[in-house]
Amino acid sequence: MLNRNLQIFLVVAEKRSITEAAEKLCISQPAVSKAVKALEEELKLKLFERDKRKGLLITEDGYKVLLLARQMSDLENRMYQIAFRSNNFLSGKVKIASMPILTSVILSKVFYNFRQKYPAISLELIERSSAEIRKSVEEHQVDFAITPFPFENLDHEVLLKDRMIAVSKEPLDDMPVVDLSIQPERYIFFKEAYEASKAYLDAKSINTSKFFFVEQADTAISLAECNNGIGIVPELVADHLSNQLIRYPIKPEIDVQISLIGNDLKNLSPAAAELKRMIVKFTSAMKNNQPIN
């Protein structure tokens, strides 16, 4: 379904660079440029523009072609996987997006078992922020993704329900429950979880302007271990990162949902559906405190 020019176009659009695309494809830069030019001539469209500062930029028409080409690539992958499955052999490629902490806590274990069972399937992982993960799903860059919370306009399936807790190096004798409205400058907040609960905190009139925000939950834990403040992190993260911090409930309570998201989770390719099944089984065991194989 995808001719060679379209395959090269997909890589150039991903890398935003002729040089990097050539390196990934193990072909010459002139060959990459020739393929892009041939596709532009065939479609009678300008797919890229050059910017002196930003480099290669995709045009509005190029972006539309990119979305369709990704869907074509996905359909092609699905067709081959169906053919392989009919012969009792699962192969192909699965692309998934995740946040680094969820890769560490969940996917690293699942990937090992998946690779042992299906060595012919190629796995590709993209680690990004929640906003970038959402975009990767919407633009069909990945089969599905795993995030700390679902997005209403995308298909989603809740894996685990978690809660935010406070972690501190020293005992907080004056605060058996950490009240986020008191001395907000003490709190080191995991940014992704904050963004998911911002509307709720605003409704509770919590002044969040003095919170110290960090990109990763493990950073909040590391800073708390060095007495830089009180970390506010998901309990699941605290459970799976080695630390000697003292835990406290917080007020107001903040729940976190770790979910699978996709454009259509019920219509995945055979390989992606199998990976999803193994992730659901793994997180179900975690949730029920069962042995995890």
C-alpha atoms as a PDB file:
ATOM      1  CA  MET A   1       0.000   0.000   0.000  1.00  0.00           C
ATOM      2  CA  LEU A   2       2.846   2.381   0.817  1.00  0.00           C
ATOM      3  CA  ASN A   3       5.244   2.937  -2.058  1.00  0.00           C
ATOM      4  CA  ARG A   4       8.881   3.728  -1.334  1.00  0.00           C
ATOM      5  CA  ASN A   5       8.420   7.490  -1.695  1.00  0.00           C
ATOM      6  CA  LEU A   6       5.664   7.521   0.916  1.00  0.00           C
ATOM      7  CA  GLN A   7       7.775   5.392   3.262  1.00  0.00           C
ATOM      8  CA  ILE A   8      10.641   7.877   2.965  1.00  0.00           C
ATOM      9  CA  PHE A   9       8.240  10.818   3.391  1.00  0.00           C
ATOM     10  CA  LEU A  10       7.040   9.337   6.714  1.00  0.00           C
ATOM     11  CA  VAL A  11      10.589   9.200   8.058  1.00  0.00           C
ATOM     12  CA  VAL A  12      11.441  12.721   6.857  1.00  0.00           C
ATOM     13  CA  ALA A  13       8.254  14.054   8.496  1.00  0.00           C
ATOM     14  CA  GLU A  14       9.170  12.275  11.735  1.00  0.00           C
ATOM     15  CA  LYS A  15      12.778  13.479  11.805  1.00  0.00           C
ATOM     16  CA  ARG A  16      12.176  16.913  10.249  1.00  0.00           C
ATOM     17  CA  SER A  17      15.564  16.455   8.631  1.00  0.00           C
ATOM     18  CA  ILE A  18      16.820  15.016   5.336  1.00  0.00           C
ATOM     19  CA  THR A  19      20.140  14.109   6.979  1.00  0.00           C
ATOM     20  CA  GLU A  20      18.582  12.245   9.935  1.00  0.00           C
ATOM     21  CA  ALA A  21      16.084  10.505   7.659  1.00  0.00           C
ATOM     22  CA  ALA A  22      18.926   9.295   5.434  1.00  0.00           C
ATOM     23  CA  GLU A  23      20.802   7.967   8.478  1.00  0.00           C
ATOM     24  CA  LYS A  24      17.756   6.082   9.768  1.00  0.00           C
ATOM     25  CA  LEU A  25      16.977   4.614   6.331  1.00  0.00           C
ATOM     26  CA  CYS A  26      20.647   3.872   5.567  1.00  0.00           C
ATOM     27  CA  ILE A  27      20.452   5.599   2.182  1.00  0.00           C
ATOM     28  CA  SER A  28      22.051   8.737   0.776  1.00  0.00           C
ATOM     29  CA  GLN A  29      20.718  12.252   1.359  1.00  0.00           C
ATOM     30  CA  PRO A  30      20.228  12.822  -2.401  1.00  0.00           C
ATOM     31  CA  ALA A  31      18.087   9.662  -2.525  1.00  0.00           C
ATOM     32  CA  VAL A  32      15.878  11.027   0.277  1.00  0.00           C
ATOM     33  CA  SER A  33      15.557  14.427  -1.403  1.00  0.00           C
ATOM     34  CA  LYS A  34      14.746  12.761  -4.732  1.00  0.00           C
ATOM     35  CA  ALA A  35      11.984  10.644  -3.154  1.00  0.00           C
ATOM     36  CA  VAL A  36      10.365  13.664  -1.470  1.00  0.00           C
ATOM     37  CA  LYS A  37      10.559  15.676  -4.701  1.00  0.00           C
ATOM     38  CA  ALA A  38       9.041  12.808  -6.692  1.00  0.00           C
ATOM     39  CA  LEU A  39       6.147  12.533  -4.221  1.00  0.00           C
ATOM     40  CA  GLU A  40       5.555  16.295  -4.393  1.00  0.00           C
ATOM     41  CA  GLU A  41       5.473  16.122  -8.184  1.00  0.00           C
ATOM     42  CA  GLU A  42       3.125  13.134  -8.129  1.00  0.00           C
ATOM     43  CA  LEU A  43       0.709  14.844  -5.717  1.00  0.00           C
ATOM     44  CA  LYS A  44       1.319  18.334  -7.140  1.00  0.00           C
ATOM     45  CA  LEU A  45       1.714  19.589  -3.581  1.00  0.00           C
ATOM     46  CA  LYS A  46       4.467  21.276  -1.593  1.00  0.00           C
ATOM     47  CA  LEU A  47       5.067  18.991   1.383  1.00  0.00           C
ATOM     48  CA  PHE A  48       7.922  20.819   3.168  1.00  0.00           C
ATOM     49  CA  GLU A  49       9.288  24.330   3.555  1.00  0.00           C
ATOM     50  CA  ARG A  50      12.801  25.212   4.677  1.00  0.00           C
ATOM     51  CA  ASP A  51      13.320  27.659   7.532  1.00  0.00           C
ATOM     52  CA  LYS A  52      16.791  29.008   8.306  1.00  0.00           C
ATOM     53  CA  ARG A  53      16.297  28.716  12.051  1.00  0.00           C
ATOM     54  CA  LYS A  54      13.855  25.824  12.451  1.00  0.00           C
ATOM     55  CA  GLY A  55      15.007  23.682   9.560  1.00  0.00           C
ATOM     56  CA  LEU A  56      12.531  21.538   7.621  1.00  0.00           C
ATOM     57  CA  LEU A  57       8.882  22.427   8.312  1.00  0.00           C
ATOM     58  CA  ILE A  58       5.912  20.449   7.055  1.00  0.00           C
ATOM     59  CA  THR A  59       3.289  22.428   5.148  1.00  0.00           C
ATOM     60  CA  GLU A  60      -0.435  22.408   5.910  1.00  0.00           C
ATOM     61  CA  ASP A  61      -1.058  20.102   2.939  1.00  0.00           C
ATOM     62  CA  GLY A  62       1.951  18.020   3.927  1.00  0.00           C
ATOM     63  CA  TYR A  63       0.497  17.513   7.397  1.00  0.00           C
ATOM     64  CA  LYS A  64      -2.789  16.250   5.914  1.00  0.00           C
ATOM     65  CA  VAL A  65      -0.875  13.818   3.695  1.00  0.00           C
ATOM     66  CA  LEU A  66       1.157  12.718   6.736  1.00  0.00           C
ATOM     67  CA  LEU A  67      -1.949  11.781   8.740  1.00  0.00           C
ATOM     68  CA  LEU A  68      -3.300   9.735   5.830  1.00  0.00           C
ATOM     69  CA  ALA A  69       0.067   8.067   5.228  1.00  0.00           C
ATOM     70  CA  ARG A  70       0.261   7.040   8.889  1.00  0.00           C
ATOM     71  CA  GLN A  71      -3.189   5.495   8.660  1.00  0.00           C
ATOM     72  CA  MET A  72      -2.151   3.678   5.455  1.00  0.00           C
ATOM     73  CA  SER A  73       0.936   2.372   7.244  1.00  0.00           C
ATOM     74  CA  ASP A  74      -1.224   1.169  10.119  1.00  0.00           C
ATOM     75  CA  LEU A  75      -3.638  -0.592   7.740  1.00  0.00           C
ATOM     76  CA  GLU A  76      -0.756  -2.255   5.931  1.00  0.00           C
ATOM     77  CA  ASN A  77       0.657  -3.467   9.242  1.00  0.00           C
ATOM     78  CA  ARG A  78      -2.765  -4.827  10.240  1.00  0.00           C
ATOM     79  CA  MET A  79      -3.179  -6.723   6.955  1.00  0.00           C
ATOM     80  CA  TYR A  80       0.136  -8.513   7.381  1.00  0.00           C
ATOM     81  CA  GLN A  81      -0.598  -9.281  11.019  1.00  0.00           C
ATOM     82  CA  ILE A  82      -3.944 -10.848  10.083  1.00  0.00           C
ATOM     83  CA  ALA A  83      -2.183 -12.948   7.474  1.00  0.00           C
ATOM     84  CA  PHE A  84       0.458 -14.034   9.991  1.00  0.00           C
ATOM     85  CA  ARG A  85      -2.172 -14.841  12.612  1.00  0.00           C
ATOM     86  CA  SER A  86      -4.111 -17.027  10.173  1.00  0.00           C
ATOM     87  CA  ASN A  87      -0.956 -19.126  10.011  1.00  0.00           C
ATOM     88  CA  ASN A  88      -0.687 -19.218  13.823  1.00  0.00           C
ATOM     89  CA  PHE A  89       2.227 -16.789  13.757  1.00  0.00           C
ATOM     90  CA  LEU A  90       2.040 -13.292  15.256  1.00  0.00           C
ATOM     91  CA  SER A  91       4.387 -10.716  13.751  1.00  0.00           C
ATOM     92  CA  GLY A  92       4.500  -7.039  12.739  1.00  0.00           C
ATOM     93  CA  LYS A  93       5.085  -3.849  14.702  1.00  0.00           C
ATOM     94  CA  VAL A  94       3.467  -2.211  17.730  1.00  0.00           C
ATOM     95  CA  LYS A  95       4.063   1.431  18.650  1.00  0.00           C
ATOM     96  CA  ILE A  96       3.076   2.700  22.084  1.00  0.00           C
ATOM     97  CA  ALA A  97       3.508   6.006  23.913  1.00  0.00           C
ATOM     98  CA  SER A  98       4.029   6.372  27.648  1.00  0.00           C
ATOM     99  CA  MET A  99       5.385   8.633  30.348  1.00  0.00           C
ATOM    100  CA  PRO A 100       8.833   7.548  31.630  1.00  0.00           C
ATOM    101  CA  ILE A 101       7.590   6.711  35.124  1.00  0.00           C
ATOM    102  CA  LEU A 102       4.829   4.453  33.725  1.00  0.00           C
ATOM    103  CA  THR A 103       7.377   2.772  31.473  1.00  0.00           C
ATOM    104  CA  SER A 104       9.435   1.981  34.566  1.00  0.00           C
ATOM    105  CA  VAL A 105       6.559   0.834  36.767  1.00  0.00           C
ATOM    106  CA  ILE A 106       4.400  -1.039  34.238  1.00  0.00           C
ATOM    107  CA  LEU A 107       5.725  -1.389  30.706  1.00  0.00           C
ATOM    108  CA  SER A 108       9.250  -2.553  31.515  1.00  0.00           C
ATOM    109  CA  LYS A 109       7.842  -5.741  33.055  1.00  0.00           C
ATOM    110  CA  VAL A 110       5.208  -6.280  30.354  1.00  0.00           C
ATOM    111  CA  PHE A 111       7.683  -5.696  27.515  1.00  0.00           C
ATOM    112  CA  TYR A 112       9.993  -8.417  28.822  1.00  0.00           C
ATOM    113  CA  ASN A 113       7.223 -11.025  28.863  1.00  0.00           C
ATOM    114  CA  PHE A 114       5.865  -9.849  25.516  1.00  0.00           C
ATOM    115  CA  ARG A 115       9.257 -10.127  23.805  1.00  0.00           C
ATOM    116  CA  GLN A 116       9.780 -13.599  25.234  1.00  0.00           C
ATOM    117  CA  LYS A 117       6.431 -14.755  23.904  1.00  0.00           C
ATOM    118  CA  TYR A 118       6.450 -12.902  20.554  1.00  0.00           C
ATOM    119  CA  PRO A 119      10.060 -12.424  19.378  1.00  0.00           C
ATOM    120  CA  ALA A 120       8.932 -11.678  15.810  1.00  0.00           C
ATOM    121  CA  ILE A 121       6.981  -8.559  16.856  1.00  0.00           C
ATOM    122  CA  SER A 122       8.855  -5.265  16.770  1.00  0.00           C
ATOM    123  CA  LEU A 123       8.117  -2.939  19.709  1.00  0.00           C
ATOM    124  CA  GLU A 124       8.591   0.821  19.481  1.00  0.00           C
ATOM    125  CA  LEU A 125       8.219   3.043  22.548  1.00  0.00           C
ATOM    126  CA  ILE A 126       7.770   6.821  22.554  1.00  0.00           C
ATOM    127  CA  GLU A 127       8.208   8.527  25.945  1.00  0.00           C
ATOM    128  CA  ARG A 128       6.630  11.959  26.157  1.00  0.00           C
ATOM    129  CA  SER A 129       4.596  14.321  28.332  1.00  0.00           C
ATOM    130  CA  SER A 130       0.847  13.771  28.620  1.00  0.00           C
ATOM    131  CA  ALA A 131       0.065  16.527  26.103  1.00  0.00           C
ATOM    132  CA  GLU A 132       2.519  15.062  23.595  1.00  0.00           C
ATOM    133  CA  ILE A 133       1.144  11.568  24.207  1.00  0.00           C
ATOM    134  CA  ARG A 134      -2.343  12.785  23.414  1.00  0.00           C
ATOM    135  CA  LYS A 135      -1.101  14.341  20.193  1.00  0.00           C
ATOM    136  CA  SER A 136       0.735  11.155  19.182  1.00  0.00           C
ATOM    137  CA  VAL A 137      -2.530   9.205  19.515  1.00  0.00           C
ATOM    138  CA  GLU A 138      -4.640  11.770  17.679  1.00  0.00           C
ATOM    139  CA  GLU A 139      -2.117  11.888  14.827  1.00  0.00           C
ATOM    140  CA  HIS A 140      -1.966   8.063  14.546  1.00  0.00           C
ATOM    141  CA  GLN A 141       1.725   7.956  15.452  1.00  0.00           C
ATOM    142  CA  VAL A 142       1.094   5.091  17.889  1.00  0.00           C
ATOM    143  CA  ASP A 143      -1.319   2.180  18.242  1.00  0.00           C
ATOM    144  CA  PHE A 144      -2.268   3.283  21.744  1.00  0.00           C
ATOM    145  CA  ALA A 145      -0.789   4.967  24.809  1.00  0.00           C
ATOM    146  CA  ILE A 146      -0.733   4.784  28.594  1.00  0.00           C
ATOM    147  CA  THR A 147      -1.196   7.983  30.645  1.00  0.00           C
ATOM    148  CA  PRO A 148      -2.057   9.061  34.216  1.00  0.00           C
ATOM    149  CA  PHE A 149      -5.537  10.160  33.161  1.00  0.00           C
ATOM    150  CA  PRO A 150      -7.952   9.667  30.246  1.00  0.00           C
ATOM    151  CA  PHE A 151      -8.920  12.233  27.626  1.00  0.00           C
ATOM    152  CA  GLU A 152     -12.633  12.614  27.004  1.00  0.00           C
ATOM    153  CA  ASN A 153     -12.484  12.800  23.201  1.00  0.00           C
ATOM    154  CA  LEU A 154     -10.387   9.622  22.899  1.00  0.00           C
ATOM    155  CA  ASP A 155     -11.312   6.025  23.564  1.00  0.00           C
ATOM    156  CA  HIS A 156      -9.924   5.045  26.975  1.00  0.00           C
ATOM    157  CA  GLU A 157      -9.850   2.201  29.455  1.00  0.00           C
ATOM    158  CA  VAL A 158      -8.930   2.733  33.104  1.00  0.00           C
ATOM    159  CA  LEU A 159      -6.174   0.388  34.279  1.00  0.00           C
ATOM    160  CA  LEU A 160      -5.560   1.552  37.828  1.00  0.00           C
ATOM    161  CA  LYS A 161      -7.014   4.079  40.222  1.00  0.00           C
ATOM    162  CA  ASP A 162      -4.349   5.823  42.244  1.00  0.00           C
ATOM    163  CA  ARG A 163      -4.209   8.725  44.675  1.00  0.00           C
ATOM    164  CA  MET A 164      -1.826  11.561  45.350  1.00  0.00           C
ATOM    165  CA  ILE A 165       0.103  11.472  48.629  1.00  0.00           C
ATOM    166  CA  ALA A 166       2.657  13.642  50.403  1.00  0.00           C
ATOM    167  CA  VAL A 167       6.186  12.349  51.070  1.00  0.00           C
ATOM    168  CA  SER A 168       8.616  13.960  53.484  1.00  0.00           C
ATOM    169  CA  LYS A 169      12.136  13.312  54.756  1.00  0.00           C
ATOM    170  CA  GLU A 170      11.321  14.531  58.266  1.00  0.00           C
ATOM    171  CA  PRO A 171       8.239  13.766  60.426  1.00  0.00           C
ATOM    172  CA  LEU A 172       5.507  16.388  60.124  1.00  0.00           C
ATOM    173  CA  ASP A 173       4.290  16.399  63.716  1.00  0.00           C
ATOM    174  CA  ASP A 174       2.123  19.447  63.111  1.00  0.00           C
ATOM    175  CA  MET A 175       0.434  17.924  60.028  1.00  0.00           C
ATOM    176  CA  PRO A 176      -0.936  14.351  60.297  1.00  0.00           C
ATOM    177  CA  VAL A 177      -2.751  15.222  57.075  1.00  0.00           C
ATOM    178  CA  VAL A 178      -0.964  17.551  54.672  1.00  0.00           C
ATOM    179  CA  ASP A 179      -3.255  20.474  53.875  1.00  0.00           C
ATOM    180  CA  LEU A 180      -2.308  21.920  50.465  1.00  0.00           C
ATOM    181  CA  SER A 181      -3.768  25.290  51.425  1.00  0.00           C
ATOM    182  CA  ILE A 182      -1.194  25.759  54.202  1.00  0.00           C
ATOM    183  CA  GLN A 183       2.309  26.960  53.314  1.00  0.00           C
ATOM    184  CA  PRO A 184       2.028  26.059  49.591  1.00  0.00           C
ATOM    185  CA  GLU A 185       5.662  27.033  49.024  1.00  0.00           C
ATOM    186  CA  ARG A 186       6.689  23.778  50.760  1.00  0.00           C
ATOM    187  CA  TYR A 187       5.132  21.506  48.144  1.00  0.00           C
ATOM    188  CA  ILE A 188       6.990  19.907  45.253  1.00  0.00           C
ATOM    189  CA  PHE A 189       4.268  18.935  42.799  1.00  0.00           C
ATOM    190  CA  PHE A 190       4.434  16.416  39.972  1.00  0.00           C
ATOM    191  CA  LYS A 191       3.351  18.625  37.066  1.00  0.00           C
ATOM    192  CA  GLU A 192       1.350  16.048  35.099  1.00  0.00           C
ATOM    193  CA  ALA A 193      -0.795  15.141  38.094  1.00  0.00           C
ATOM    194  CA  TYR A 194      -1.285  18.829  38.889  1.00  0.00           C
ATOM    195  CA  GLU A 195      -2.554  19.559  35.385  1.00  0.00           C
ATOM    196  CA  ALA A 196      -5.025  16.706  35.695  1.00  0.00           C
ATOM    197  CA  SER A 197      -6.348  18.078  38.994  1.00  0.00           C
ATOM    198  CA  LYS A 198      -5.979  21.835  38.383  1.00  0.00           C
ATOM    199  CA  ALA A 199      -9.703  22.501  37.927  1.00  0.00           C
ATOM    200  CA  TYR A 200     -10.461  20.578  41.133  1.00  0.00           C
ATOM    201  CA  LEU A 201      -7.822  22.479  43.138  1.00  0.00           C
ATOM    202  CA  ASP A 202      -9.078  25.814  41.772  1.00  0.00           C
ATOM    203  CA  ALA A 203     -12.621  24.890  42.815  1.00  0.00           C
ATOM    204  CA  LYS A 204     -11.299  24.251  46.348  1.00  0.00           C
ATOM    205  CA  SER A 205      -9.629  27.715  46.294  1.00  0.00           C
ATOM    206  CA  ILE A 206      -6.153  26.226  46.718  1.00  0.00           C
ATOM    207  CA  ASN A 207      -3.440  28.758  45.901  1.00  0.00           C
ATOM    208  CA  THR A 208      -1.137  26.790  43.592  1.00  0.00           C
ATOM    209  CA  SER A 209       0.986  29.723  42.401  1.00  0.00           C
ATOM    210  CA  LYS A 210       3.681  28.961  45.002  1.00  0.00           C
ATOM    211  CA  PHE A 211       3.926  25.224  44.311  1.00  0.00           C
ATOM    212  CA  PHE A 212       7.308  24.046  43.035  1.00  0.00           C
ATOM    213  CA  PHE A 213       6.552  22.084  39.865  1.00  0.00           C
ATOM    214  CA  VAL A 214       8.761  19.343  38.425  1.00  0.00           C
ATOM    215  CA  GLU A 215       8.380  17.338  35.213  1.00  0.00           C
ATOM    216  CA  GLN A 216       8.854  13.868  36.698  1.00  0.00           C
ATOM    217  CA  ALA A 217       7.449  12.236  39.826  1.00  0.00           C
ATOM    218  CA  ASP A 218      10.808  10.646  40.673  1.00  0.00           C
ATOM    219  CA  THR A 219      12.317  14.172  40.664  1.00  0.00           C
ATOM    220  CA  ALA A 220       9.813  15.232  43.327  1.00  0.00           C
ATOM    221  CA  ILE A 221      10.816  12.220  45.410  1.00  0.00           C
ATOM    222  CA  SER A 222      14.541  12.921  44.990  1.00  0.00           C
ATOM    223  CA  LEU A 223      14.081  16.553  46.041  1.00  0.00           C
ATOM    224  CA  ALA A 224      12.036  15.490  49.073  1.00  0.00           C
ATOM    225  CA  GLU A 225      14.769  13.014  50.071  1.00  0.00           C
ATOM    226  CA  CYS A 226      17.211  15.939  50.159  1.00  0.00           C
ATOM    227  CA  ASN A 227      14.856  17.969  52.390  1.00  0.00           C
ATOM    228  CA  ASN A 228      13.945  20.466  49.659  1.00  0.00           C
ATOM    229  CA  GLY A 229      10.288  20.287  50.590  1.00  0.00           C
ATOM    230  CA  ILE A 230       7.297  17.949  50.663  1.00  0.00           C
ATOM    231  CA  GLY A 231       6.759  15.899  47.515  1.00  0.00           C
ATOM    232  CA  ILE A 232       3.222  15.464  46.166  1.00  0.00           C
ATOM    233  CA  VAL A 233       3.247  12.334  44.005  1.00  0.00           C
ATOM    234  CA  PRO A 234       1.052   9.378  42.968  1.00  0.00           C
ATOM    235  CA  GLU A 235       1.130   6.579  45.553  1.00  0.00           C
ATOM    236  CA  LEU A 236       1.927   4.041  42.818  1.00  0.00           C
ATOM    237  CA  VAL A 237       5.142   5.916  42.050  1.00  0.00           C
ATOM    238  CA  ALA A 238       6.162   6.061  45.704  1.00  0.00           C
ATOM    239  CA  ASP A 239       5.505   2.298  45.991  1.00  0.00           C
ATOM    240  CA  HIS A 240       7.828   1.447  43.109  1.00  0.00           C
ATOM    241  CA  LEU A 241      10.703   3.874  43.695  1.00  0.00           C
ATOM    242  CA  SER A 242      13.178   3.021  46.411  1.00  0.00           C
ATOM    243  CA  ASN A 243      13.003   5.657  49.149  1.00  0.00           C
ATOM    244  CA  GLN A 244      12.774   6.037  52.922  1.00  0.00           C
ATOM    245  CA  LEU A 245      10.318   8.924  52.905  1.00  0.00           C
ATOM    246  CA  ILE A 246       7.456   9.251  55.357  1.00  0.00           C
ATOM    247  CA  ARG A 247       4.015   9.239  53.738  1.00  0.00           C
ATOM    248  CA  TYR A 248       1.006  11.376  54.565  1.00  0.00           C
ATOM    249  CA  PRO A 249      -2.505  11.706  53.136  1.00  0.00           C
ATOM    250  CA  ILE A 250      -3.294  15.069  51.581  1.00  0.00           C
ATOM    251  CA  LYS A 251      -6.198  17.461  51.813  1.00  0.00           C
ATOM    252  CA  PRO A 252      -8.096  17.854  49.553  1.00  0.00           C
ATOM    253  CA  GLU A 253      -7.863  14.266  48.328  1.00  0.00           C
ATOM    254  CA  ILE A 254      -6.793  13.939  44.679  1.00  0.00           C
ATOM    255  CA  ASP A 255      -7.481  10.776  42.715  1.00  0.00           C
ATOM    256  CA  VAL A 256      -5.470   9.761  39.652  1.00  0.00           C
ATOM    257  CA  GLN A 257      -6.546   7.352  36.928  1.00  0.00           C
ATOM    258  CA  ILE A 258      -3.920   5.520  34.894  1.00  0.00           C
ATOM    259  CA  SER A 259      -5.508   4.673  31.571  1.00  0.00           C
ATOM    260  CA  LEU A 260      -4.964   3.262  28.135  1.00  0.00           C
ATOM    261  CA  ILE A 261      -5.984   5.713  25.420  1.00  0.00           C
ATOM    262  CA  GLY A 262      -6.392   5.278  21.677  1.00  0.00           C
ATOM    263  CA  ASN A 263      -8.550   6.189  18.716  1.00  0.00           C
ATOM    264  CA  ASP A 264     -10.319   2.814  18.889  1.00  0.00           C
ATOM    265  CA  LEU A 265      -9.084   0.366  21.538  1.00  0.00           C
ATOM    266  CA  LYS A 266     -11.532  -2.314  20.388  1.00  0.00           C
ATOM    267  CA  ASN A 267     -10.172  -2.321  16.837  1.00  0.00           C
ATOM    268  CA  LEU A 268      -6.413  -2.674  17.330  1.00  0.00           C
ATOM    269  CA  SER A 269      -4.110  -4.745  15.169  1.00  0.00           C
ATOM    270  CA  PRO A 270      -3.668  -8.359  16.402  1.00  0.00           C
ATOM    271  CA  ALA A 271      -0.205  -7.614  17.834  1.00  0.00           C
ATOM    272  CA  ALA A 272      -1.316  -4.366  19.515  1.00  0.00           C
ATOM    273  CA  ALA A 273      -4.401  -6.100  20.917  1.00  0.00           C
ATOM    274  CA  GLU A 274      -2.188  -8.800  22.454  1.00  0.00           C
ATOM    275  CA  LEU A 275       0.114  -6.213  24.046  1.00  0.00           C
ATOM    276  CA  LYS A 276      -2.938  -4.389  25.416  1.00  0.00           C
ATOM    277  CA  ARG A 277      -4.249  -7.677  26.852  1.00  0.00           C
ATOM    278  CA  MET A 278      -0.945  -8.314  28.642  1.00  0.00           C
ATOM    279  CA  ILE A 279      -0.864  -4.768  30.060  1.00  0.00           C
ATOM    280  CA  VAL A 280      -4.418  -5.131  31.385  1.00  0.00           C
ATOM    281  CA  LYS A 281      -3.564  -8.508  32.952  1.00  0.00           C
ATOM    282  CA  PHE A 282      -0.394  -7.103  34.554  1.00  0.00           C
ATOM    283  CA  THR A 283      -2.095  -4.032  36.041  1.00  0.00           C
ATOM    284  CA  SER A 284      -5.014  -6.153  37.243  1.00  0.00           C
ATOM    285  CA  ALA A 285      -2.525  -8.281  39.202  1.00  0.00           C
ATOM    286  CA  MET A 286      -0.956  -5.109  40.620  1.00  0.00           C
ATOM    287  CA  LYS A 287      -4.358  -3.782  41.643  1.00  0.00           C
ATOM    288  CA  ASN A 288      -5.334  -6.993  43.409  1.00  0.00           C
ATOM    289  CA  ASN A 289      -1.896  -7.507  44.996  1.00  0.00           C
ATOM    290  CA  GLN A 290      -1.475 -10.784  43.162  1.00  0.00           C
ATOM    291  CA  PRO A 291       1.860 -12.304  42.118  1.00  0.00           C
ATOM    292  CA  ILE A 292       3.077 -10.738  38.887  1.00  0.00           C
ATOM    293  CA  ASN A 293       4.788 -13.076  36.419  1.00  0.00           C
END
